């Protein structure tokens, strides 16, 4: 049985499960010959990405929305029940600790959004901001990506909805009103 002091404080996950999409991966080798990973509660790492498109078409009939937009991939909130954890595996990371401490920041999201909205083929449908990972996670206070995205959406008078568990959304009330 694991004692309370052995848990990684502030993390919802306590390990990284195997990634089914990786054919090869690095593992921790222990002198004692144990097959258990040596886990450390490392700081959150922010990885920059510059996607070519930011609006995702949602084709799942049980979700009830048409488009989503996620300025971040991975989520430092670390909710153990999060349904988005497995999406981190497509990036080559684990759905456990990696999801919480390797956050992909899509720095050009507002500019790419504006370009996509300008496309003659784009059809306006409600857009779910943070349908996969929370757009108001801690790094948002510094990066302001969500705020800049909301400014673009306001400029185009585009319908938007947001899912969040962070009070930082109150910072953007002026735009949301």
Protein backbone atom coordinates (compact mmCIF):
# COMPACT_ATOMS: atom_id res chain seq x y z
CA UNK A 1 0.00 0.00 0.00
CA UNK A 2 1.28 3.47 -0.93
CA UNK A 3 1.63 5.92 1.94
CA UNK A 4 0.26 9.45 1.57
CA UNK A 5 3.73 11.04 1.70
CA UNK A 6 4.79 8.94 -1.32
CA UNK A 7 2.19 10.53 -3.63
CA UNK A 8 3.32 13.23 -6.03
CA UNK A 9 1.84 16.37 -4.49
CA UNK A 10 -0.29 18.50 -6.79
CA UNK A 11 -0.61 15.86 -9.48
CA UNK A 12 -3.76 13.94 -10.34
CA UNK A 13 -1.85 11.10 -11.96
CA UNK A 14 0.93 9.25 -10.20
CA UNK A 15 2.61 7.57 -13.19
CA UNK A 16 2.64 7.46 -16.98
CA UNK A 17 0.80 4.50 -18.48
CA UNK A 18 2.30 2.91 -21.59
CA UNK A 19 1.59 4.77 -24.82
CA UNK A 20 0.00 2.36 -27.33
CA UNK A 21 1.09 4.56 -30.26
CA UNK A 22 4.82 4.33 -29.56
CA UNK A 23 6.71 1.37 -30.99
CA UNK A 24 9.80 2.21 -28.97
CA UNK A 25 10.17 4.23 -25.82
CA UNK A 26 12.77 4.99 -23.19
CA UNK A 27 12.42 3.26 -19.86
CA UNK A 28 14.13 3.78 -16.52
CA UNK A 29 16.70 1.11 -15.69
CA UNK A 30 17.35 0.50 -12.02
CA UNK A 31 20.52 -0.96 -10.57
CA UNK A 32 18.37 -3.22 -8.40
CA UNK A 33 16.71 -4.67 -11.51
CA UNK A 34 13.24 -3.41 -10.62
CA UNK A 35 10.72 -2.75 -13.40
CA UNK A 36 9.21 0.21 -11.58
CA UNK A 37 9.83 3.71 -12.88
CA UNK A 38 11.61 6.23 -10.69
CA UNK A 39 9.07 9.02 -10.55
CA UNK A 40 9.93 12.55 -9.59
CA UNK A 41 7.55 15.46 -9.28
CA UNK A 42 9.28 17.64 -11.86
CA UNK A 43 8.19 21.15 -12.79
CA UNK A 44 5.74 21.69 -15.60
CA UNK A 45 7.41 22.02 -18.99
CA UNK A 46 5.91 24.26 -21.69
CA UNK A 47 6.50 23.17 -25.27
CA UNK A 48 5.79 25.61 -28.10
CA UNK A 49 3.84 24.54 -31.18
CA UNK A 50 2.83 26.57 -34.23
CA UNK A 51 -0.13 24.75 -35.82
CA UNK A 52 -1.29 25.47 -39.36
CA UNK A 53 -4.93 25.23 -38.32
CA UNK A 54 -6.57 25.70 -34.94
CA UNK A 55 -10.28 25.00 -35.50
CA UNK A 56 -11.13 21.30 -35.21
CA UNK A 57 -14.25 19.79 -36.70
CA UNK A 58 -16.01 17.58 -34.17
CA UNK A 59 -17.64 14.63 -35.88
CA UNK A 60 -18.75 12.68 -32.83
CA UNK A 61 -22.58 12.50 -32.76
CA UNK A 62 -22.73 12.22 -28.97
CA UNK A 63 -20.82 15.45 -28.21
CA UNK A 64 -23.33 17.97 -29.55
CA UNK A 65 -20.99 20.56 -31.02
CA UNK A 66 -19.54 21.30 -34.43
CA UNK A 67 -16.13 22.92 -33.86
CA UNK A 68 -13.60 23.12 -31.05
CA UNK A 69 -10.46 25.15 -30.45
CA UNK A 70 -7.74 24.39 -27.89
CA UNK A 71 -4.88 26.87 -27.39
CA UNK A 72 -3.16 24.39 -25.07
CA UNK A 73 -2.69 20.63 -25.22
CA UNK A 74 -2.29 18.91 -21.89
CA UNK A 75 -3.60 20.45 -18.69
CA UNK A 76 -1.88 21.41 -15.47
CA UNK A 77 -5.13 21.16 -13.50
CA UNK A 78 -4.51 17.40 -13.53
CA UNK A 79 -8.07 16.22 -12.96
CA UNK A 80 -7.79 12.47 -12.70
CA UNK A 81 -11.21 12.02 -14.35
CA UNK A 82 -10.30 14.07 -17.46
CA UNK A 83 -11.45 12.51 -20.72
CA UNK A 84 -8.77 14.38 -22.70
CA UNK A 85 -5.77 12.57 -21.20
CA UNK A 86 -5.53 10.02 -24.01
CA UNK A 87 -5.17 12.76 -26.64
CA UNK A 88 -1.70 13.49 -25.26
CA UNK A 89 -0.58 10.10 -26.51
CA UNK A 90 -0.95 11.28 -30.11
CA UNK A 91 1.82 13.79 -29.39
CA UNK A 92 4.08 10.98 -28.14
CA UNK A 93 3.57 11.69 -24.45
CA UNK A 94 1.92 9.75 -21.65
CA UNK A 95 -1.69 10.17 -20.58
CA UNK A 96 -0.66 10.30 -16.93
CA UNK A 97 2.00 12.63 -15.56
CA UNK A 98 3.04 13.87 -19.01
CA UNK A 99 -0.49 15.21 -19.60
CA UNK A 100 -0.11 17.39 -16.49
CA UNK A 101 3.49 18.51 -16.80
CA UNK A 102 4.20 18.71 -20.56
CA UNK A 103 1.88 21.45 -21.79
CA UNK A 104 1.92 22.23 -25.49
CA UNK A 105 1.35 25.95 -26.07
CA UNK A 106 -0.03 26.89 -29.49
CA UNK A 107 1.45 30.38 -29.56
CA UNK A 108 0.10 31.43 -32.95
CA UNK A 109 -3.47 30.31 -32.21
CA UNK A 110 -5.10 33.79 -32.44
CA UNK A 111 -3.47 34.56 -35.80
CA UNK A 112 -4.29 31.13 -37.23
CA UNK A 113 -7.88 31.49 -36.00
CA UNK A 114 -8.28 34.83 -37.80
CA UNK A 115 -6.92 33.30 -41.01
CA UNK A 116 -9.31 30.35 -40.77
CA UNK A 117 -12.29 32.63 -40.15
CA UNK A 118 -11.33 34.61 -43.29
CA UNK A 119 -11.41 31.48 -45.45
CA UNK A 120 -14.24 31.60 -48.02
CA UNK A 121 -15.02 27.94 -47.25
CA UNK A 122 -15.51 28.52 -43.51
CA UNK A 123 -19.09 28.11 -42.30
CA UNK A 124 -19.95 29.86 -39.04
CA UNK A 125 -21.02 27.41 -36.36
CA UNK A 126 -20.71 27.73 -32.57
CA UNK A 127 -17.12 27.17 -31.49
CA UNK A 128 -16.27 25.36 -28.24
CA UNK A 129 -13.20 26.95 -26.68
CA UNK A 130 -11.36 24.39 -24.57
CA UNK A 131 -13.47 21.40 -25.50
CA UNK A 132 -10.44 19.21 -24.89
CA UNK A 133 -8.19 20.91 -22.34
CA UNK A 134 -8.86 23.94 -20.13
CA UNK A 135 -8.06 27.23 -21.85
CA UNK A 136 -7.72 28.96 -18.45
CA UNK A 137 -5.00 26.80 -16.94
CA UNK A 138 -2.20 28.52 -15.00
CA UNK A 139 0.04 29.40 -17.99
CA UNK A 140 -2.83 31.44 -19.50
CA UNK A 141 -2.20 34.19 -16.94
CA UNK A 142 1.15 34.85 -18.69
CA UNK A 143 0.48 33.81 -22.31
CA UNK A 144 -2.94 35.49 -22.75
CA UNK A 145 -3.77 33.17 -25.67
CA UNK A 146 -7.39 32.69 -24.61
CA UNK A 147 -7.91 36.41 -24.22
CA UNK A 148 -6.42 37.09 -27.65
CA UNK A 149 -8.62 34.35 -29.16
CA UNK A 150 -11.68 35.93 -27.57
CA UNK A 151 -10.68 39.29 -29.05
CA UNK A 152 -10.54 37.71 -32.52
CA UNK A 153 -13.91 36.02 -32.02
CA UNK A 154 -15.43 39.30 -30.83
CA UNK A 155 -14.04 41.12 -33.85
CA UNK A 156 -15.78 38.59 -36.14
CA UNK A 157 -18.84 38.40 -33.86
CA UNK A 158 -18.40 34.62 -33.83
CA UNK A 159 -20.45 32.50 -31.40
CA UNK A 160 -18.36 30.78 -28.73
CA UNK A 161 -18.81 28.67 -25.62
CA UNK A 162 -16.21 27.85 -22.97
CA UNK A 163 -15.56 25.02 -20.54
CA UNK A 164 -13.30 25.88 -17.60
CA UNK A 165 -12.80 25.24 -13.91
CA UNK A 166 -10.56 28.26 -13.35
CA UNK A 167 -11.63 31.63 -11.96
CA UNK A 168 -9.25 33.32 -14.42
CA UNK A 169 -12.21 33.49 -16.79
CA UNK A 170 -13.36 36.53 -14.80
CA UNK A 171 -10.40 38.45 -16.24
CA UNK A 172 -12.11 38.28 -19.65
CA UNK A 173 -15.62 39.32 -18.59
CA UNK A 174 -15.29 42.52 -20.60
CA UNK A 175 -14.95 40.47 -23.79
CA UNK A 176 -17.53 37.84 -22.87
CA UNK A 177 -20.23 40.41 -22.07
